[in-house]
Amino acid sequence: MRYEHIFFDLDGTLTDPALGITNAIIYARKKWGLDPGRNEDYYKFIGPPMPKSYEQFWGMDHDTAVRFLATYREYFGTVGLFENQVYPGIPELLRDLRAAGCRLYMATTKPTGFSTQIAEKFGLLPWFEIISGSQPSGDNTKEDVIRFAEKTCRVDMAKAVMVGDRLYDVEGAHACAIPCVGVCYGYGGREELAAAGADYIADTVEDLRALLLA
C-alpha cells in the first residue's frame, strides 16, 4: 500500500492522551459534586467529540454538556493537554513518510488550538501541512475536519488514506470516500475497527510503518 496523502488522527494514534483526558474528567466531576470514578472508567471518552460523549454516556442534554466541557477545560487546557506521550516510533514514521514524498495532515476532533499546542510541545508540528481540528465548541465530526484539510491543502483524495484508532475515524474516512487504516494500539481495538469496516488494520506502529511505506 502506498498513498501520497495521509490524514492522521491525534489521540490514540500519534499520542497516548489517556492520563490528561481522564484526569480532566475527574477534575470536572469533582467540581460538579459527582462521583469522580477512576481514570480507566473514562477511556471510552477518548476519540469522539467530548460533548457527544457526555450526552451518550451520561445522558446530559446539550446545554449541560457544554457547561461540563467548560469545567473540563479548566484542567485540560492548562495541565491535561501535556499529560500526554508520543507513541514510540511515531516521530520516525512521520519523518520517513515525508522523506518518501508523502504529504501529511492531522485530522482530529480535538480543538485546533489544543492540537497545535500538543503537536508543537512533542515535536510533531513540522511534519504536518495542517492541523485540522474542531472548533472550540467541539461539535465538528471527523468528516468535517478531513474535508477542511482536503479543501485547504487541495488534497487529491484518490491518493489519500486516513489513519486512526476509533470507529469515528473509519466512518469519517468512508464519508469522504477514502480508505482507513485502523490502529489497534489506541483506544478502539481490533473488534471495534473491524466492525466499523476499517480497510486495513495495524496492531503496532511497526505494522503501520510496513503498510504505509510498502
N, C-alpha and C. Protein backbone atom coordinates (compact mmCIF):
# COMPACT_ATOMS: atom_id res chain seq x y z
N MET A 1 0.85 -1.20 0.00
CA MET A 1 0.00 0.00 0.00
C MET A 1 0.88 1.24 0.00
N ARG A 2 0.57 2.19 -0.87
CA ARG A 2 1.32 3.44 -0.89
C ARG A 2 0.37 4.58 -1.25
N TYR A 3 0.22 5.53 -0.35
CA TYR A 3 -0.63 6.69 -0.57
C TYR A 3 0.21 7.94 -0.49
N GLU A 4 -0.13 8.92 -1.31
CA GLU A 4 0.62 10.17 -1.33
C GLU A 4 0.13 11.15 -0.26
N HIS A 5 -1.13 11.00 0.15
CA HIS A 5 -1.74 11.92 1.11
C HIS A 5 -2.25 11.12 2.31
N ILE A 6 -1.77 11.45 3.50
CA ILE A 6 -2.12 10.66 4.68
C ILE A 6 -2.67 11.58 5.76
N PHE A 7 -3.91 11.31 6.16
CA PHE A 7 -4.55 12.01 7.27
C PHE A 7 -4.33 11.19 8.54
N PHE A 8 -3.88 11.84 9.59
CA PHE A 8 -3.66 11.16 10.87
C PHE A 8 -4.58 11.74 11.95
N ASP A 9 -5.22 10.85 12.67
CA ASP A 9 -5.88 11.20 13.92
C ASP A 9 -4.78 11.54 14.92
N LEU A 10 -5.15 12.23 16.00
CA LEU A 10 -4.16 12.57 17.04
C LEU A 10 -4.26 11.62 18.23
N ASP A 11 -5.33 11.72 19.02
CA ASP A 11 -5.46 10.92 20.24
C ASP A 11 -5.59 9.44 19.94
N GLY A 12 -4.70 8.64 20.53
CA GLY A 12 -4.75 7.20 20.34
C GLY A 12 -4.10 6.73 19.06
N THR A 13 -3.57 7.66 18.27
CA THR A 13 -2.93 7.30 17.01
C THR A 13 -1.50 7.82 16.96
N LEU A 14 -1.33 9.10 17.24
CA LEU A 14 0.01 9.70 17.32
C LEU A 14 0.49 9.76 18.76
N THR A 15 -0.43 10.09 19.66
CA THR A 15 -0.07 10.20 21.08
C THR A 15 -1.06 9.45 21.95
N ASP A 16 -0.61 9.10 23.15
CA ASP A 16 -1.47 8.48 24.16
C ASP A 16 -1.89 9.57 25.14
N PRO A 17 -3.14 10.04 25.04
CA PRO A 17 -3.59 11.18 25.85
C PRO A 17 -4.35 10.78 27.10
N ALA A 18 -4.36 9.49 27.43
CA ALA A 18 -5.30 8.98 28.43
C ALA A 18 -5.21 9.69 29.76
N LEU A 19 -4.01 9.92 30.27
CA LEU A 19 -3.86 10.49 31.61
C LEU A 19 -4.47 11.88 31.67
N GLY A 20 -4.16 12.72 30.69
CA GLY A 20 -4.65 14.09 30.72
C GLY A 20 -6.16 14.18 30.55
N ILE A 21 -6.71 13.40 29.62
CA ILE A 21 -8.15 13.43 29.38
C ILE A 21 -8.92 12.93 30.60
N THR A 22 -8.49 11.81 31.14
CA THR A 22 -9.23 11.23 32.27
C THR A 22 -9.05 12.05 33.54
N ASN A 23 -7.86 12.62 33.75
CA ASN A 23 -7.68 13.50 34.91
C ASN A 23 -8.58 14.72 34.81
N ALA A 24 -8.75 15.25 33.58
CA ALA A 24 -9.61 16.42 33.40
C ALA A 24 -11.08 16.08 33.66
N ILE A 25 -11.51 14.89 33.26
CA ILE A 25 -12.88 14.46 33.55
C ILE A 25 -13.08 14.31 35.05
N ILE A 26 -12.13 13.69 35.71
CA ILE A 26 -12.22 13.51 37.16
C ILE A 26 -12.26 14.87 37.87
N TYR A 27 -11.43 15.81 37.43
CA TYR A 27 -11.43 17.17 37.99
C TYR A 27 -12.82 17.79 37.86
N ALA A 28 -13.40 17.70 36.66
CA ALA A 28 -14.71 18.32 36.42
C ALA A 28 -15.81 17.64 37.23
N ARG A 29 -15.76 16.31 37.32
CA ARG A 29 -16.79 15.60 38.10
C ARG A 29 -16.69 15.98 39.58
N LYS A 30 -15.50 16.10 40.10
CA LYS A 30 -15.34 16.53 41.49
C LYS A 30 -15.91 17.92 41.69
N LYS A 31 -15.61 18.83 40.77
CA LYS A 31 -16.07 20.20 40.90
C LYS A 31 -17.59 20.29 40.81
N TRP A 32 -18.20 19.35 40.08
CA TRP A 32 -19.66 19.32 39.96
C TRP A 32 -20.31 18.50 41.07
N GLY A 33 -19.52 17.99 42.01
CA GLY A 33 -20.07 17.23 43.11
C GLY A 33 -20.49 15.83 42.74
N LEU A 34 -19.88 15.28 41.68
CA LEU A 34 -20.22 13.95 41.21
C LEU A 34 -19.15 12.95 41.65
N ASP A 35 -19.50 11.68 41.67
CA ASP A 35 -18.53 10.62 41.94
C ASP A 35 -17.41 10.72 40.91
N PRO A 36 -16.17 10.92 41.35
CA PRO A 36 -15.10 11.11 40.36
C PRO A 36 -14.78 9.86 39.55
N GLY A 37 -15.00 8.68 40.11
CA GLY A 37 -14.67 7.45 39.40
C GLY A 37 -13.16 7.25 39.28
N ARG A 38 -12.78 6.34 38.39
CA ARG A 38 -11.37 6.00 38.18
C ARG A 38 -10.97 6.41 36.77
N ASN A 39 -9.69 6.63 36.56
CA ASN A 39 -9.22 7.04 35.23
C ASN A 39 -9.68 6.08 34.14
N GLU A 40 -9.58 4.78 34.42
CA GLU A 40 -9.91 3.79 33.38
C GLU A 40 -11.40 3.77 33.03
N ASP A 41 -12.23 4.36 33.89
CA ASP A 41 -13.66 4.43 33.58
C ASP A 41 -13.94 5.32 32.37
N TYR A 42 -12.97 6.18 32.03
CA TYR A 42 -13.23 7.20 31.02
C TYR A 42 -12.42 7.03 29.73
N TYR A 43 -11.81 5.85 29.57
CA TYR A 43 -11.07 5.61 28.32
C TYR A 43 -12.00 5.68 27.10
N LYS A 44 -13.27 5.32 27.30
CA LYS A 44 -14.22 5.34 26.18
C LYS A 44 -14.48 6.75 25.68
N PHE A 45 -14.08 7.77 26.45
CA PHE A 45 -14.27 9.15 26.03
C PHE A 45 -13.16 9.61 25.08
N ILE A 46 -12.14 8.79 24.89
CA ILE A 46 -11.01 9.18 24.04
C ILE A 46 -11.36 8.88 22.59
N GLY A 47 -11.50 9.92 21.80
CA GLY A 47 -11.79 9.73 20.38
C GLY A 47 -12.92 10.60 19.87
N PRO A 48 -14.15 10.39 20.35
CA PRO A 48 -15.27 11.17 19.83
C PRO A 48 -15.27 12.59 20.39
N PRO A 49 -16.00 13.52 19.76
CA PRO A 49 -16.14 14.86 20.34
C PRO A 49 -16.65 14.77 21.77
N MET A 50 -16.04 15.52 22.67
CA MET A 50 -16.32 15.38 24.09
C MET A 50 -17.79 15.64 24.46
N PRO A 51 -18.44 16.71 23.96
CA PRO A 51 -19.85 16.90 24.34
C PRO A 51 -20.74 15.72 23.95
N LYS A 52 -20.45 15.12 22.80
CA LYS A 52 -21.24 13.97 22.37
C LYS A 52 -21.08 12.81 23.35
N SER A 53 -19.89 12.66 23.90
CA SER A 53 -19.64 11.59 24.87
C SER A 53 -20.45 11.82 26.15
N TYR A 54 -20.51 13.06 26.61
CA TYR A 54 -21.28 13.35 27.81
C TYR A 54 -22.75 13.03 27.58
N GLU A 55 -23.23 13.37 26.41
CA GLU A 55 -24.63 13.10 26.08
C GLU A 55 -24.89 11.60 25.96
N GLN A 56 -23.97 10.90 25.30
CA GLN A 56 -24.15 9.47 25.05
C GLN A 56 -24.02 8.64 26.32
N PHE A 57 -22.98 8.89 27.11
CA PHE A 57 -22.68 8.01 28.24
C PHE A 57 -23.34 8.45 29.54
N TRP A 58 -23.64 9.74 29.67
CA TRP A 58 -24.21 10.23 30.91
C TRP A 58 -25.62 10.77 30.75
N GLY A 59 -26.12 10.83 29.53
CA GLY A 59 -27.47 11.32 29.30
C GLY A 59 -27.65 12.81 29.51
N MET A 60 -26.57 13.58 29.43
CA MET A 60 -26.68 15.03 29.57
C MET A 60 -27.38 15.63 28.35
N ASP A 61 -28.14 16.71 28.57
CA ASP A 61 -28.63 17.45 27.41
C ASP A 61 -27.48 18.31 26.89
N HIS A 62 -27.67 18.89 25.71
CA HIS A 62 -26.54 19.57 25.05
C HIS A 62 -26.04 20.75 25.87
N ASP A 63 -26.93 21.55 26.42
CA ASP A 63 -26.50 22.73 27.19
C ASP A 63 -25.68 22.34 28.41
N THR A 64 -26.12 21.28 29.09
CA THR A 64 -25.37 20.80 30.26
C THR A 64 -24.01 20.26 29.84
N ALA A 65 -23.97 19.54 28.72
CA ALA A 65 -22.70 19.01 28.21
C ALA A 65 -21.72 20.13 27.90
N VAL A 66 -22.20 21.22 27.34
CA VAL A 66 -21.34 22.36 27.02
C VAL A 66 -20.79 22.99 28.29
N ARG A 67 -21.62 23.10 29.32
CA ARG A 67 -21.14 23.67 30.59
C ARG A 67 -20.13 22.75 31.27
N PHE A 68 -20.38 21.44 31.19
CA PHE A 68 -19.42 20.49 31.78
C PHE A 68 -18.09 20.56 31.02
N LEU A 69 -18.16 20.71 29.70
CA LEU A 69 -16.95 20.82 28.89
C LEU A 69 -16.10 22.02 29.34
N ALA A 70 -16.76 23.12 29.65
CA ALA A 70 -16.02 24.30 30.10
C ALA A 70 -15.26 24.01 31.39
N THR A 71 -15.87 23.24 32.30
CA THR A 71 -15.20 22.87 33.54
C THR A 71 -14.04 21.92 33.25
N TYR A 72 -14.28 20.95 32.40
CA TYR A 72 -13.24 20.01 31.96
C TYR A 72 -12.01 20.76 31.44
N ARG A 73 -12.25 21.81 30.68
CA ARG A 73 -11.14 22.53 30.06
C ARG A 73 -10.38 23.42 31.03
N GLU A 74 -10.93 23.69 32.20
CA GLU A 74 -10.16 24.40 33.22
C GLU A 74 -8.90 23.62 33.55
N TYR A 75 -9.04 22.30 33.60
CA TYR A 75 -7.88 21.44 33.87
C TYR A 75 -7.15 21.08 32.58
N PHE A 76 -7.91 20.61 31.57
CA PHE A 76 -7.26 20.11 30.37
C PHE A 76 -6.48 21.20 29.66
N GLY A 77 -7.00 22.41 29.60
CA GLY A 77 -6.37 23.48 28.84
C GLY A 77 -5.11 24.02 29.45
N THR A 78 -4.83 23.68 30.72
CA THR A 78 -3.62 24.18 31.39
C THR A 78 -2.65 23.07 31.77
N VAL A 79 -3.18 21.92 32.11
CA VAL A 79 -2.34 20.80 32.59
C VAL A 79 -2.53 19.55 31.72
N GLY A 80 -3.80 19.17 31.52
CA GLY A 80 -4.09 17.87 30.93
C GLY A 80 -3.58 17.66 29.53
N LEU A 81 -3.55 18.72 28.70
CA LEU A 81 -3.11 18.51 27.32
C LEU A 81 -1.65 18.08 27.24
N PHE A 82 -0.87 18.37 28.26
CA PHE A 82 0.54 17.97 28.26
C PHE A 82 0.79 16.69 29.07
N GLU A 83 -0.25 16.14 29.71
CA GLU A 83 -0.15 14.83 30.35
C GLU A 83 -0.38 13.80 29.24
N ASN A 84 0.59 13.64 28.42
CA ASN A 84 0.44 13.00 27.12
C ASN A 84 1.80 12.44 26.73
N GLN A 85 1.83 11.47 25.86
CA GLN A 85 3.12 10.98 25.37
C GLN A 85 2.97 10.45 23.96
N VAL A 86 4.00 10.69 23.16
CA VAL A 86 4.01 10.21 21.79
C VAL A 86 4.29 8.71 21.78
N TYR A 87 3.54 7.97 20.98
CA TYR A 87 3.81 6.54 20.87
C TYR A 87 5.21 6.31 20.28
N PRO A 88 5.98 5.38 20.84
CA PRO A 88 7.30 5.09 20.30
C PRO A 88 7.23 4.72 18.82
N GLY A 89 8.13 5.30 18.05
CA GLY A 89 8.21 5.01 16.62
C GLY A 89 7.45 5.99 15.74
N ILE A 90 6.55 6.78 16.33
CA ILE A 90 5.76 7.72 15.53
C ILE A 90 6.61 8.84 14.93
N PRO A 91 7.49 9.51 15.67
CA PRO A 91 8.28 10.58 15.05
C PRO A 91 9.10 10.08 13.86
N GLU A 92 9.67 8.90 14.01
CA GLU A 92 10.47 8.34 12.93
C GLU A 92 9.61 7.98 11.72
N LEU A 93 8.39 7.49 11.97
CA LEU A 93 7.48 7.16 10.88
C LEU A 93 7.09 8.42 10.11
N LEU A 94 6.75 9.49 10.82
CA LEU A 94 6.38 10.74 10.15
C LEU A 94 7.55 11.28 9.33
N ARG A 95 8.72 11.25 9.91
CA ARG A 95 9.93 11.70 9.19
C ARG A 95 10.14 10.91 7.91
N ASP A 96 10.00 9.58 8.00
CA ASP A 96 10.28 8.74 6.84
C ASP A 96 9.19 8.84 5.78
N LEU A 97 7.96 9.07 6.20
CA LEU A 97 6.89 9.28 5.23
C LEU A 97 7.12 10.56 4.45
N ARG A 98 7.54 11.62 5.14
CA ARG A 98 7.82 12.86 4.45
C ARG A 98 9.02 12.70 3.51
N ALA A 99 10.02 11.95 3.97
CA ALA A 99 11.19 11.71 3.12
C ALA A 99 10.83 10.92 1.87
N ALA A 100 9.78 10.10 1.98
CA ALA A 100 9.32 9.30 0.84
C ALA A 100 8.41 10.10 -0.09
N GLY A 101 8.16 11.36 0.24
CA GLY A 101 7.36 12.21 -0.63
C GLY A 101 5.89 12.31 -0.26
N CYS A 102 5.48 11.75 0.88
CA CYS A 102 4.08 11.82 1.30
C CYS A 102 3.78 13.19 1.90
N ARG A 103 2.54 13.62 1.72
CA ARG A 103 2.05 14.83 2.37
C ARG A 103 1.17 14.40 3.55
N LEU A 104 1.38 15.03 4.71
CA LEU A 104 0.73 14.59 5.93
C LEU A 104 -0.17 15.70 6.49
N TYR A 105 -1.33 15.27 7.03
CA TYR A 105 -2.31 16.20 7.58
C TYR A 105 -2.85 15.62 8.88
N MET A 106 -2.99 16.44 9.91
CA MET A 106 -3.62 15.98 11.13
C MET A 106 -5.10 16.32 11.06
N ALA A 107 -5.95 15.31 11.25
CA ALA A 107 -7.40 15.49 11.23
C ALA A 107 -7.96 14.94 12.53
N THR A 108 -8.31 15.84 13.45
CA THR A 108 -8.70 15.45 14.79
C THR A 108 -9.92 16.25 15.24
N THR A 109 -10.77 15.65 16.05
CA THR A 109 -11.90 16.39 16.59
C THR A 109 -11.54 17.08 17.91
N LYS A 110 -10.29 17.00 18.32
CA LYS A 110 -9.82 17.85 19.42
C LYS A 110 -9.71 19.28 18.86
N PRO A 111 -10.04 20.30 19.64
CA PRO A 111 -9.94 21.66 19.13
C PRO A 111 -8.56 21.97 18.53
N THR A 112 -8.57 22.75 17.47
CA THR A 112 -7.34 23.05 16.73
C THR A 112 -6.27 23.66 17.64
N GLY A 113 -6.68 24.57 18.53
CA GLY A 113 -5.70 25.22 19.41
C GLY A 113 -4.98 24.23 20.29
N PHE A 114 -5.72 23.33 20.95
CA PHE A 114 -5.10 22.31 21.80
C PHE A 114 -4.22 21.38 20.97
N SER A 115 -4.72 20.98 19.81
CA SER A 115 -3.98 20.03 18.96
C SER A 115 -2.67 20.63 18.50
N THR A 116 -2.68 21.91 18.17
CA THR A 116 -1.46 22.58 17.73
C THR A 116 -0.46 22.68 18.87
N GLN A 117 -0.95 23.01 20.07
CA GLN A 117 -0.07 23.08 21.24
C GLN A 117 0.59 21.74 21.52
N ILE A 118 -0.19 20.67 21.43
CA ILE A 118 0.33 19.33 21.68
C ILE A 118 1.37 18.96 20.62
N ALA A 119 1.03 19.21 19.35
CA ALA A 119 1.96 18.88 18.26
C ALA A 119 3.27 19.64 18.40
N GLU A 120 3.17 20.91 18.81
CA GLU A 120 4.38 21.71 18.98
C GLU A 120 5.20 21.23 20.17
N LYS A 121 4.52 20.96 21.29
CA LYS A 121 5.20 20.52 22.51
C LYS A 121 5.99 19.24 22.28
N PHE A 122 5.42 18.30 21.52
CA PHE A 122 6.04 16.99 21.35
C PHE A 122 6.79 16.84 20.02
N GLY A 123 7.04 17.94 19.34
CA GLY A 123 7.89 17.92 18.16
C GLY A 123 7.26 17.34 16.91
N LEU A 124 5.94 17.30 16.85
CA LEU A 124 5.26 16.72 15.68
C LEU A 124 4.86 17.76 14.64
N LEU A 125 4.80 19.00 15.05
CA LEU A 125 4.26 20.05 14.18
C LEU A 125 4.95 20.17 12.83
N PRO A 126 6.29 20.06 12.75
CA PRO A 126 6.94 20.26 11.45
C PRO A 126 6.55 19.26 10.37
N TRP A 127 6.02 18.11 10.75
CA TRP A 127 5.73 17.08 9.75
C TRP A 127 4.39 17.27 9.06
N PHE A 128 3.55 18.15 9.59
CA PHE A 128 2.18 18.27 9.07
C PHE A 128 1.97 19.58 8.31
N GLU A 129 1.27 19.47 7.19
CA GLU A 129 0.94 20.66 6.41
C GLU A 129 -0.16 21.47 7.07
N ILE A 130 -1.01 20.81 7.83
CA ILE A 130 -2.11 21.50 8.50
C ILE A 130 -2.53 20.70 9.74
N ILE A 131 -2.95 21.42 10.76
CA ILE A 131 -3.62 20.82 11.90
C ILE A 131 -5.09 21.16 11.75
N SER A 132 -5.88 20.21 11.31
CA SER A 132 -7.31 20.43 11.08
C SER A 132 -8.07 19.83 12.25
N GLY A 133 -8.49 20.70 13.18
CA GLY A 133 -9.19 20.25 14.36
C GLY A 133 -10.58 20.84 14.46
N SER A 134 -11.19 20.60 15.59
CA SER A 134 -12.55 21.07 15.84
C SER A 134 -12.56 22.56 16.20
N GLN A 135 -13.73 23.17 16.04
CA GLN A 135 -13.97 24.48 16.62
C GLN A 135 -14.02 24.33 18.14
N PRO A 136 -13.88 25.42 18.90
CA PRO A 136 -13.89 25.31 20.37
C PRO A 136 -15.13 24.63 20.93
N SER A 137 -16.25 24.69 20.23
CA SER A 137 -17.47 24.03 20.70
C SER A 137 -17.33 22.52 20.76
N GLY A 138 -16.39 21.96 19.98
CA GLY A 138 -16.20 20.52 19.96
C GLY A 138 -17.24 19.77 19.17
N ASP A 139 -18.00 20.48 18.33
CA ASP A 139 -19.11 19.84 17.62
C ASP A 139 -18.73 19.26 16.25
N ASN A 140 -17.53 19.53 15.77
CA ASN A 140 -17.16 19.05 14.44
C ASN A 140 -16.98 17.54 14.42
N THR A 141 -17.35 16.93 13.30
CA THR A 141 -17.17 15.49 13.12
C THR A 141 -15.84 15.21 12.45
N LYS A 142 -15.48 13.94 12.40
CA LYS A 142 -14.25 13.56 11.70
C LYS A 142 -14.34 13.91 10.22
N GLU A 143 -15.52 13.70 9.63
CA GLU A 143 -15.69 14.10 8.23
C GLU A 143 -15.42 15.58 8.06
N ASP A 144 -15.90 16.41 8.97
CA ASP A 144 -15.70 17.86 8.87
C ASP A 144 -14.23 18.22 8.81
N VAL A 145 -13.44 17.62 9.71
CA VAL A 145 -12.03 18.02 9.79
C VAL A 145 -11.22 17.46 8.62
N ILE A 146 -11.60 16.30 8.13
CA ILE A 146 -10.94 15.79 6.92
C ILE A 146 -11.25 16.70 5.73
N ARG A 147 -12.52 17.08 5.58
CA ARG A 147 -12.93 17.93 4.47
C ARG A 147 -12.23 19.28 4.52
N PHE A 148 -12.07 19.83 5.72
CA PHE A 148 -11.39 21.12 5.84
C PHE A 148 -9.95 21.03 5.35
N ALA A 149 -9.25 19.98 5.78
CA ALA A 149 -7.87 19.79 5.32
C ALA A 149 -7.82 19.55 3.82
N GLU A 150 -8.77 18.76 3.32
CA GLU A 150 -8.82 18.49 1.89
C GLU A 150 -8.93 19.78 1.08
N LYS A 151 -9.86 20.63 1.46
CA LYS A 151 -10.09 21.87 0.70
C LYS A 151 -8.94 22.86 0.88
N THR A 152 -8.44 22.98 2.10
CA THR A 152 -7.38 23.95 2.37
C THR A 152 -6.09 23.59 1.66
N CYS A 153 -5.77 22.30 1.64
CA CYS A 153 -4.49 21.84 1.08
C CYS A 153 -4.64 21.26 -0.33
N ARG A 154 -5.85 21.31 -0.87
CA ARG A 154 -6.11 20.80 -2.23
C ARG A 154 -5.61 19.36 -2.39
N VAL A 155 -6.11 18.52 -1.52
CA VAL A 155 -5.68 17.12 -1.49
C VAL A 155 -6.34 16.33 -2.62
N ASP A 156 -5.57 15.51 -3.29
CA ASP A 156 -6.10 14.57 -4.28
C ASP A 156 -6.60 13.35 -3.51
N MET A 157 -7.90 13.29 -3.27
CA MET A 157 -8.45 12.25 -2.41
C MET A 157 -8.39 10.86 -3.04
N ALA A 158 -8.14 10.78 -4.33
CA ALA A 158 -7.97 9.48 -4.97
C ALA A 158 -6.68 8.81 -4.52
N LYS A 159 -5.78 9.60 -3.90
CA LYS A 159 -4.49 9.07 -3.45
C LYS A 159 -4.31 9.25 -1.94
N ALA A 160 -5.46 9.27 -1.22
CA ALA A 160 -5.43 9.58 0.21
C ALA A 160 -5.91 8.42 1.07
N VAL A 161 -5.47 8.42 2.32
CA VAL A 161 -5.88 7.43 3.30
C VAL A 161 -5.94 8.10 4.67
N MET A 162 -6.81 7.59 5.53
CA MET A 162 -6.93 8.06 6.92
C MET A 162 -6.34 7.02 7.85
N VAL A 163 -5.68 7.48 8.92
CA VAL A 163 -5.15 6.57 9.95
C VAL A 163 -5.74 6.99 11.29
N GLY A 164 -6.39 6.05 11.98
CA GLY A 164 -6.99 6.37 13.27
C GLY A 164 -7.28 5.13 14.08
N ASP A 165 -7.66 5.33 15.35
CA ASP A 165 -7.83 4.20 16.26
C ASP A 165 -9.27 3.91 16.66
N ARG A 166 -10.24 4.75 16.22
CA ARG A 166 -11.61 4.55 16.64
C ARG A 166 -12.54 4.42 15.44
N LEU A 167 -13.73 3.93 15.71
CA LEU A 167 -14.73 3.76 14.64
C LEU A 167 -15.06 5.09 13.98
N TYR A 168 -14.93 6.19 14.72
CA TYR A 168 -15.23 7.51 14.16
C TYR A 168 -14.25 7.88 13.04
N ASP A 169 -13.03 7.39 13.14
CA ASP A 169 -12.05 7.62 12.09
C ASP A 169 -12.43 6.87 10.82
N VAL A 170 -12.89 5.64 11.00
CA VAL A 170 -13.32 4.83 9.85
C VAL A 170 -14.54 5.47 9.20
N GLU A 171 -15.51 5.85 10.02
CA GLU A 171 -16.73 6.46 9.48
C GLU A 171 -16.44 7.77 8.77
N GLY A 172 -15.57 8.59 9.34
CA GLY A 172 -15.22 9.85 8.71
C GLY A 172 -14.50 9.67 7.40
N ALA A 173 -13.57 8.71 7.38
CA ALA A 173 -12.84 8.42 6.14
C ALA A 173 -13.79 7.96 5.05
N HIS A 174 -14.66 7.03 5.38
CA HIS A 174 -15.58 6.48 4.38
C HIS A 174 -16.59 7.53 3.91
N ALA A 175 -16.96 8.45 4.81
CA ALA A 175 -17.85 9.53 4.38
C ALA A 175 -17.17 10.43 3.36
N CYS A 176 -15.85 10.46 3.40
CA CYS A 176 -15.06 11.24 2.44
C CYS A 176 -14.56 10.38 1.28
N ALA A 177 -15.04 9.13 1.23
CA ALA A 177 -14.72 8.20 0.14
C ALA A 177 -13.23 7.86 0.06
N ILE A 178 -12.58 7.76 1.23
CA ILE A 178 -11.20 7.30 1.27
C ILE A 178 -11.10 6.12 2.24
N PRO A 179 -10.09 5.26 2.06
CA PRO A 179 -9.92 4.12 2.97
C PRO A 179 -9.36 4.55 4.31
N CYS A 180 -9.45 3.65 5.27
CA CYS A 180 -8.94 3.93 6.61
C CYS A 180 -8.09 2.77 7.12
N VAL A 181 -6.94 3.11 7.68
CA VAL A 181 -6.12 2.15 8.42
C VAL A 181 -6.47 2.30 9.89
N GLY A 182 -6.99 1.25 10.51
CA GLY A 182 -7.29 1.27 11.93
C GLY A 182 -6.11 0.75 12.73
N VAL A 183 -5.70 1.48 13.75
CA VAL A 183 -4.56 1.05 14.57
C VAL A 183 -5.07 0.53 15.92
N CYS A 184 -4.61 -0.64 16.28
CA CYS A 184 -5.11 -1.32 17.47
C CYS A 184 -4.40 -0.93 18.76
N TYR A 185 -3.31 -0.16 18.65
CA TYR A 185 -2.58 0.21 19.87
C TYR A 185 -3.24 1.39 20.59
N GLY A 186 -4.30 1.97 19.99
CA GLY A 186 -5.01 3.08 20.61
C GLY A 186 -6.15 2.62 21.49
N TYR A 187 -7.33 3.24 21.33
CA TYR A 187 -8.41 3.01 22.28
C TYR A 187 -9.68 2.40 21.67
N GLY A 188 -9.63 1.97 20.43
CA GLY A 188 -10.78 1.30 19.84
C GLY A 188 -10.66 -0.20 19.88
N GLY A 189 -9.52 -0.70 19.44
CA GLY A 189 -9.30 -2.14 19.42
C GLY A 189 -9.74 -2.78 18.11
N ARG A 190 -9.22 -3.96 17.88
CA ARG A 190 -9.46 -4.66 16.62
C ARG A 190 -10.95 -4.93 16.36
N GLU A 191 -11.68 -5.34 17.39
CA GLU A 191 -13.09 -5.68 17.19
C GLU A 191 -13.88 -4.45 16.73
N GLU A 192 -13.68 -3.31 17.40
CA GLU A 192 -14.39 -2.09 17.02
C GLU A 192 -14.02 -1.66 15.61
N LEU A 193 -12.75 -1.69 15.28
CA LEU A 193 -12.29 -1.24 13.97
C LEU A 193 -12.80 -2.15 12.86
N ALA A 194 -12.77 -3.45 13.11
CA ALA A 194 -13.25 -4.40 12.10
C ALA A 194 -14.75 -4.23 11.88
N ALA A 195 -15.51 -4.06 12.98
CA ALA A 195 -16.95 -3.88 12.86
C ALA A 195 -17.30 -2.60 12.10
N ALA A 196 -16.45 -1.58 12.24
CA ALA A 196 -16.69 -0.31 11.56
C ALA A 196 -16.32 -0.38 10.07
N GLY A 197 -15.59 -1.43 9.70
CA GLY A 197 -15.23 -1.59 8.29
C GLY A 197 -13.88 -1.03 7.91
N ALA A 198 -12.94 -0.97 8.87
CA ALA A 198 -11.60 -0.50 8.54
C ALA A 198 -11.04 -1.30 7.37
N ASP A 199 -10.43 -0.60 6.42
CA ASP A 199 -9.91 -1.25 5.22
C ASP A 199 -8.63 -2.02 5.50
N TYR A 200 -7.85 -1.55 6.45
CA TYR A 200 -6.62 -2.21 6.88
C TYR A 200 -6.55 -2.08 8.39
N ILE A 201 -5.90 -3.01 9.04
CA ILE A 201 -5.72 -2.94 10.49
C ILE A 201 -4.25 -3.18 10.82
N ALA A 202 -3.69 -2.29 11.66
CA ALA A 202 -2.31 -2.40 12.09
C ALA A 202 -2.29 -2.58 13.60
N ASP A 203 -1.69 -3.63 14.07
CA ASP A 203 -1.64 -3.88 15.51
C ASP A 203 -0.64 -2.99 16.22
N THR A 204 0.44 -2.63 15.55
CA THR A 204 1.51 -1.87 16.18
C THR A 204 1.95 -0.74 15.25
N VAL A 205 2.78 0.15 15.79
CA VAL A 205 3.35 1.21 14.95
C VAL A 205 4.23 0.59 13.86
N GLU A 206 4.90 -0.50 14.19
CA GLU A 206 5.74 -1.17 13.19
C GLU A 206 4.88 -1.72 12.05
N ASP A 207 3.71 -2.27 12.38
CA ASP A 207 2.79 -2.74 11.34
C ASP A 207 2.29 -1.58 10.49
N LEU A 208 2.02 -0.45 11.13
CA LEU A 208 1.57 0.73 10.39
C LEU A 208 2.66 1.20 9.43
N ARG A 209 3.88 1.19 9.88
CA ARG A 209 5.02 1.57 9.02
C ARG A 209 5.08 0.65 7.80
N ALA A 210 4.93 -0.63 8.04
CA ALA A 210 5.00 -1.58 6.93
C ALA A 210 3.90 -1.34 5.90
N LEU A 211 2.71 -0.98 6.38
CA LEU A 211 1.61 -0.70 5.47
C LEU A 211 1.84 0.57 4.66
N LEU A 212 2.22 1.64 5.36
CA LEU A 212 2.29 2.94 4.70
C LEU A 212 3.53 3.11 3.83
N LEU A 213 4.58 2.40 4.15
CA LEU A 213 5.83 2.55 3.38
C LEU A 213 6.11 1.37 2.48
N ALA A 214 5.11 0.48 2.33
CA ALA A 214 5.31 -0.71 1.48
C ALA A 214 5.59 -0.28 0.04
